[in-house]
C-alpha atoms as a PDB file:
ATOM      1  CA  UNK A   1      14.965 -14.629 -47.458  1.00  0.00           C
ATOM      2  CA  UNK A   2      15.725 -13.495 -44.592  1.00  0.00           C
ATOM      3  CA  UNK A   3      17.617 -12.497 -41.406  1.00  0.00           C
ATOM      4  CA  UNK A   4      19.187  -8.937 -40.080  1.00  0.00           C
ATOM      5  CA  UNK A   5      19.575  -6.369 -42.493  1.00  0.00           C
ATOM      6  CA  UNK A   6      23.266  -7.054 -44.407  1.00  0.00           C
ATOM      7  CA  UNK A   7      23.608 -10.891 -43.621  1.00  0.00           C
ATOM      8  CA  UNK A   8      25.226 -12.299 -46.100  1.00  0.00           C
ATOM      9  CA  UNK A   9      26.155  -9.642 -47.947  1.00  0.00           C
ATOM     10  CA  UNK A  10      29.067  -8.988 -50.534  1.00  0.00           C
ATOM     11  CA  UNK A  11      31.893  -7.082 -47.998  1.00  0.00           C
ATOM     12  CA  UNK A  12      34.425  -7.736 -51.029  1.00  0.00           C
ATOM     13  CA  UNK A  13      35.396  -7.404 -54.214  1.00  0.00           C
ATOM     14  CA  UNK A  14      37.097 -10.736 -55.230  1.00  0.00           C
ATOM     15  CA  UNK A  15      36.186 -14.604 -54.393  1.00  0.00           C
ATOM     16  CA  UNK A  16      32.688 -14.399 -53.707  1.00  0.00           C
ATOM     17  CA  UNK A  17      32.278 -17.487 -55.887  1.00  0.00           C
ATOM     18  CA  UNK A  18      34.147 -19.030 -53.384  1.00  0.00           C
ATOM     19  CA  UNK A  19      32.505 -17.021 -50.608  1.00  0.00           C
ATOM     20  CA  UNK A  20      33.703 -13.944 -48.434  1.00  0.00           C
ATOM     21  CA  UNK A  21      33.717 -14.203 -44.935  1.00  0.00           C
ATOM     22  CA  UNK A  22      30.226 -13.131 -44.157  1.00  0.00           C
ATOM     23  CA  UNK A  23      29.226 -12.660 -47.630  1.00  0.00           C
ATOM     24  CA  UNK A  24      27.752 -14.748 -50.436  1.00  0.00           C
ATOM     25  CA  UNK A  25      28.778 -18.216 -51.027  1.00  0.00           C
ATOM     26  CA  UNK A  26      27.786 -20.704 -53.945  1.00  0.00           C
ATOM     27  CA  UNK A  27      25.465 -22.653 -50.654  1.00  0.00           C
ATOM     28  CA  UNK A  28      23.560 -19.787 -50.085  1.00  0.00           C
ATOM     29  CA  UNK A  29      22.537 -19.594 -53.320  1.00  0.00           C
ATOM     30  CA  UNK A  30      21.960 -22.717 -53.677  1.00  0.00           C
ATOM     31  CA  UNK A  31      19.633 -22.575 -50.474  1.00  0.00           C
ATOM     32  CA  UNK A  32      17.858 -19.825 -53.011  1.00  0.00           C
ATOM     33  CA  UNK A  33      16.918 -21.345 -55.606  1.00  0.00           C
ATOM     34  CA  UNK A  34      15.974 -24.614 -53.760  1.00  0.00           C
ATOM     35  CA  UNK A  35      13.050 -21.430 -51.797  1.00  0.00           C
ATOM     36  CA  UNK A  36      12.142 -20.428 -54.902  1.00  0.00           C
ATOM     37  CA  UNK A  37      11.450 -23.880 -56.397  1.00  0.00           C
ATOM     38  CA  UNK A  38       8.849 -24.673 -53.208  1.00  0.00           C
ATOM     39  CA  UNK A  39       7.148 -22.032 -54.550  1.00  0.00           C
ATOM     40  CA  UNK A  40       6.271 -24.049 -57.341  1.00  0.00           C
ATOM     41  CA  UNK A  41       5.399 -20.655 -59.626  1.00  0.00           C
ATOM     42  CA  UNK A  42       6.951 -16.705 -60.149  1.00  0.00           C
ATOM     43  CA  UNK A  43       9.486 -15.871 -58.204  1.00  0.00           C
ATOM     44  CA  UNK A  44      10.930 -11.754 -58.165  1.00  0.00           C
ATOM     45  CA  UNK A  45      14.100 -11.070 -56.818  1.00  0.00           C
ATOM     46  CA  UNK A  46      16.293  -8.738 -56.358  1.00  0.00           C
ATOM     47  CA  UNK A  47      20.387  -8.281 -54.547  1.00  0.00           C
ATOM     48  CA  UNK A  48      23.388  -7.791 -56.111  1.00  0.00           C
ATOM     49  CA  UNK A  49      25.477  -8.432 -59.309  1.00  0.00           C
ATOM     50  CA  UNK A  50      27.887 -10.563 -57.467  1.00  0.00           C
ATOM     51  CA  UNK A  51      24.874 -13.067 -56.376  1.00  0.00           C
ATOM     52  CA  UNK A  52      22.825 -12.437 -59.175  1.00  0.00           C
ATOM     53  CA  UNK A  53      26.068 -13.955 -60.972  1.00  0.00           C
ATOM     54  CA  UNK A  54      26.743 -16.955 -58.404  1.00  0.00           C
ATOM     55  CA  UNK A  55      22.453 -17.657 -58.557  1.00  0.00           C
ATOM     56  CA  UNK A  56      22.616 -17.352 -62.698  1.00  0.00           C
ATOM     57  CA  UNK A  57      25.424 -20.547 -62.483  1.00  0.00           C
ATOM     58  CA  UNK A  58      24.071 -22.003 -59.335  1.00  0.00           C
ATOM     59  CA  UNK A  59      20.805 -22.446 -61.810  1.00  0.00           C
ATOM     60  CA  UNK A  60      22.206 -23.807 -64.692  1.00  0.00           C
ATOM     61  CA  UNK A  61      24.562 -26.081 -63.068  1.00  0.00           C
ATOM     62  CA  UNK A  62      27.913 -24.201 -63.369  1.00  0.00           C
ATOM     63  CA  UNK A  63      30.686 -24.062 -61.197  1.00  0.00           C
ATOM     64  CA  UNK A  64      30.355 -20.364 -59.816  1.00  0.00           C
ATOM     65  CA  UNK A  65      34.179 -20.260 -59.048  1.00  0.00           C
ATOM     66  CA  UNK A  66      34.643 -20.572 -63.039  1.00  0.00           C
ATOM     67  CA  UNK A  67      31.945 -19.587 -64.087  1.00  0.00           C
ATOM     68  CA  UNK A  68      30.249 -16.315 -62.758  1.00  0.00           C
ATOM     69  CA  UNK A  69      32.470 -13.564 -63.222  1.00  0.00           C
ATOM     70  CA  UNK A  70      31.877 -14.895 -67.008  1.00  0.00           C
ATOM     71  CA  UNK A  71      28.043 -13.624 -66.418  1.00  0.00           C
ATOM     72  CA  UNK A  72      28.535  -9.863 -67.312  1.00  0.00           C
ATOM     73  CA  UNK A  73      25.547  -7.504 -65.172  1.00  0.00           C
ATOM     74  CA  UNK A  74      24.801  -3.622 -65.473  1.00  0.00           C
ATOM     75  CA  UNK A  75      23.169  -2.055 -62.713  1.00  0.00           C
ATOM     76  CA  UNK A  76      19.619  -1.889 -62.659  1.00  0.00           C
ATOM     77  CA  UNK A  77      19.763  -4.507 -65.200  1.00  0.00           C
ATOM     78  CA  UNK A  78      17.030  -7.592 -65.347  1.00  0.00           C
ATOM     79  CA  UNK A  79      17.415 -11.007 -66.206  1.00  0.00           C
ATOM     80  CA  UNK A  80      15.397 -14.435 -65.803  1.00  0.00           C
ATOM     81  CA  UNK A  81      16.105 -18.274 -65.252  1.00  0.00           C
ATOM     82  CA  UNK A  82      13.699 -20.527 -65.551  1.00  0.00           C
ATOM     83  CA  UNK A  83      13.523 -24.290 -67.209  1.00  0.00           C
ATOM     84  CA  UNK A  84      12.685 -25.589 -70.592  1.00  0.00           C
ATOM     85  CA  UNK A  85      10.053 -28.191 -69.827  1.00  0.00           C
ATOM     86  CA  UNK A  86      10.768 -30.002 -66.147  1.00  0.00           C
ATOM     87  CA  UNK A  87      13.269 -28.822 -63.721  1.00  0.00           C
ATOM     88  CA  UNK A  88      15.460 -31.034 -65.561  1.00  0.00           C
ATOM     89  CA  UNK A  89      16.263 -28.624 -68.152  1.00  0.00           C
ATOM     90  CA  UNK A  90      17.580 -25.297 -66.130  1.00  0.00           C
ATOM     91  CA  UNK A  91      17.561 -22.170 -69.269  1.00  0.00           C
ATOM     92  CA  UNK A  92      18.707 -18.605 -68.343  1.00  0.00           C
ATOM     93  CA  UNK A  93      16.174 -16.994 -70.381  1.00  0.00           C
ATOM     94  CA  UNK A  94      16.500 -12.927 -70.114  1.00  0.00           C
ATOM     95  CA  UNK A  95      20.151 -11.759 -69.346  1.00  0.00           C
ATOM     96  CA  UNK A  96      21.149  -8.051 -68.450  1.00  0.00           C
ATOM     97  CA  UNK A  97      18.413  -6.280 -70.175  1.00  0.00           C
ATOM     98  CA  UNK A  98      19.177  -2.892 -69.726  1.00  0.00           C
ATOM     99  CA  UNK A  99      15.959  -0.864 -72.285  1.00  0.00           C
ATOM    100  CA  UNK A 100      14.110   0.567 -68.972  1.00  0.00           C
ATOM    101  CA  UNK A 101      17.118   2.080 -68.288  1.00  0.00           C
ATOM    102  CA  UNK A 102      16.839   5.637 -69.523  1.00  0.00           C
ATOM    103  CA  UNK A 103      19.954   7.484 -70.278  1.00  0.00           C
ATOM    104  CA  UNK A 104      21.271  11.084 -69.596  1.00  0.00           C
ATOM    105  CA  UNK A 105      20.921  11.044 -73.603  1.00  0.00           C
ATOM    106  CA  UNK A 106      16.537   9.795 -73.383  1.00  0.00           C
ATOM    107  CA  UNK A 107      16.023  12.584 -71.080  1.00  0.00           C
ATOM    108  CA  UNK A 108      16.752  16.195 -72.959  1.00  0.00           C
END
């Protein structure tokens, strides 16, 4: 994804599933998914939690305005989407994995 810094960034805390003025939208998630599918291999994406929620909903063919807030995400978590067998079977392979994140108790 290319563009000026901040382009498409989420500028409101509510309404991300239906789009915010100058912010994320389901259409932007669809565009990202189309670009990823065109690669034909593994792709690594970094983004805000709000956009990743919309992307996950669109990936598994759910309506983001209804379902995206159901996907809990922690800071620095890892998630993976993919396909079972072929592009007609989108799946969530991993969601909100934080095993790599050290807690304050781990540092003592």
